[in-house]
Each structure stands twice: as C-alpha cells, then as structure tokens.
Amino acid sequence: MQQEQIAQKYPIIASSVDPKKISMSVKGILVAWIPVITLLSGLAGMDLNDSVINNLIESIVQITFAGSTALAFILTAYGIARKAIIKVKALFETIKKIFKERE
C-alpha cells in the first residue's frame, strides 16, 4: 500500500504540508529505530545500506497499516456481535414478559 492511501485512511498520520504523504514525525519515529536495526544487523553479520533501510521503514509502515486495519476489523466485528447478542437477549426477555403476563 502506498503512502497516499495510508495517509488518506489515517489522517492523523498525514503530513500537514502534503496530506497525501505520511508526516515527518511518524517517519522520524520510524527512523529513530535505524540505529537499533543497524546494531542488530551488525551483530547478525548483515550489511545494511540506505535503500535497504528505506525499504525496511516502508515495510514497517505497511505492516503497521495492516495491523491497524486488522485490529479495526476485529473491534468492529466484536462490537456488532456484542450488539446482536444484547438485542437477542432483550428480545427473549420481552417475549418472557409477554408470556408471563398472559398466565
């Protein structure tokens, strides 16, 4: 998924200068992880260059987007299911009251 689509879906992370791009503060937070990633990759014997790191940051943005989308779906499904259960319980309670009143 491209930056434009992510920024449109989640305006809170959109740039104030160009709303089609991800904000510099979000990118800055991700870039703050570069020393950690570089250190860990050095310990693992891997050599990282700028393009690999940029691709890694883009991947992190996409994974974060996918995770937040999945979480939104789960929360929505849970909320709908809970609402349905509450409505069904209320319906059964109403039916019970009606039958008790008839006795």
Protein backbone atom coordinates (compact mmCIF):
# COMPACT_ATOMS: atom_id res chain seq x y z
CA MET A 1 0.00 0.00 0.00
CA GLN A 2 1.31 3.44 -0.91
CA GLN A 3 1.86 6.36 1.46
CA GLU A 4 -1.02 8.26 -0.13
CA GLN A 5 -3.54 5.52 0.65
CA ILE A 6 -2.28 5.11 4.21
CA ALA A 7 -2.33 8.88 4.85
CA GLN A 8 -5.87 9.15 3.45
CA LYS A 9 -7.14 6.26 5.55
CA TYR A 10 -5.47 7.53 8.74
CA PRO A 11 -5.41 11.36 8.55
CA ILE A 12 -3.77 11.59 11.98
CA ILE A 13 -0.50 10.39 10.42
CA ALA A 14 -0.84 12.56 7.30
CA SER A 15 1.59 15.35 6.65
CA SER A 16 0.34 18.86 7.34
CA VAL A 17 2.23 20.12 4.29
CA ASP A 18 1.11 17.41 1.86
CA PRO A 19 -1.85 15.38 3.19
CA LYS A 20 -1.11 12.66 0.63
CA LYS A 21 2.13 11.77 2.42
CA ILE A 22 2.98 10.39 5.84
CA SER A 23 4.04 13.06 8.34
CA MET A 24 7.67 13.70 9.15
CA SER A 25 7.04 12.99 12.83
CA VAL A 26 5.85 9.45 12.05
CA LYS A 27 8.81 8.93 9.72
CA GLY A 28 11.07 10.36 12.43
CA ILE A 29 9.79 7.85 14.95
CA LEU A 30 10.48 5.07 12.48
CA VAL A 31 13.91 6.46 11.61
CA ALA A 32 14.74 6.52 15.32
CA TRP A 33 14.77 2.74 15.12
CA ILE A 34 17.52 2.75 12.45
CA PRO A 35 20.42 2.65 14.96
CA VAL A 36 18.79 -0.29 16.74
CA ILE A 37 18.21 -2.11 13.45
CA THR A 38 21.76 -1.33 12.30
CA LEU A 39 23.21 -2.59 15.57
CA LEU A 40 21.19 -5.79 15.49
CA SER A 41 22.01 -6.40 11.83
CA GLY A 42 25.70 -5.82 12.54
CA LEU A 43 25.53 -8.37 15.34
CA ALA A 44 23.83 -10.77 12.94
CA GLY A 45 26.57 -10.20 10.32
CA MET A 46 24.32 -8.39 7.82
CA ASP A 47 25.32 -5.28 5.87
CA LEU A 48 22.60 -2.64 5.53
CA ASN A 49 22.66 0.31 3.13
CA ASP A 50 20.31 3.29 2.72
CA SER A 51 17.97 1.62 0.25
CA VAL A 52 17.58 -1.44 2.48
CA ILE A 53 16.80 0.79 5.46
CA ASN A 54 14.31 2.87 3.45
CA ASN A 55 12.61 -0.31 2.26
CA LEU A 56 12.54 -1.56 5.83
CA ILE A 57 10.89 1.66 7.01
CA GLU A 58 8.31 1.44 4.21
CA SER A 59 7.65 -2.17 5.21
CA ILE A 60 7.17 -1.15 8.84
CA VAL A 61 4.65 1.49 7.75
CA GLN A 62 2.77 -1.09 5.68
CA ILE A 63 2.81 -3.67 8.47
CA THR A 64 1.54 -1.06 10.92
CA PHE A 65 -1.22 -0.16 8.49
CA ALA A 66 -2.17 -3.81 8.00
CA GLY A 67 -2.15 -4.42 11.75
CA SER A 68 -4.31 -1.41 12.48
CA THR A 69 -6.71 -2.43 9.71
CA ALA A 70 -6.96 -5.95 11.17
CA LEU A 71 -7.49 -4.53 14.65
CA ALA A 72 -10.23 -2.23 13.36
CA PHE A 73 -11.94 -5.19 11.70
CA ILE A 74 -11.74 -7.30 14.87
CA LEU A 75 -13.11 -4.49 17.04
CA THR A 76 -15.91 -3.81 14.58
CA ALA A 77 -16.87 -7.49 14.37
CA TYR A 78 -16.76 -7.79 18.16
CA GLY A 79 -18.93 -4.69 18.58
CA ILE A 80 -21.51 -5.92 16.06
CA ALA A 81 -21.60 -9.39 17.63
CA ARG A 82 -21.98 -7.94 21.13
CA LYS A 83 -24.77 -5.63 19.99
CA ALA A 84 -26.57 -8.53 18.31
CA ILE A 85 -26.30 -10.69 21.44
CA ILE A 86 -27.64 -7.88 23.63
CA LYS A 87 -30.56 -7.30 21.23
CA VAL A 88 -31.40 -11.01 21.12
CA LYS A 89 -31.28 -11.25 24.93
CA ALA A 90 -33.57 -8.21 25.19
CA LEU A 91 -35.94 -9.79 22.68
CA PHE A 92 -36.10 -13.02 24.72
CA GLU A 93 -36.73 -11.04 27.90
CA THR A 94 -39.58 -9.20 26.20
CA ILE A 95 -41.06 -12.50 24.99
CA LYS A 96 -40.79 -13.95 28.52
CA LYS A 97 -42.62 -10.92 29.95
CA ILE A 98 -45.38 -11.26 27.38
CA PHE A 99 -45.92 -14.94 28.22
CA LYS A 100 -45.84 -14.24 31.98
CA GLU A 101 -48.47 -11.51 31.55
CA ARG A 102 -50.74 -13.95 29.71
CA GLU A 103 -50.66 -16.50 32.54
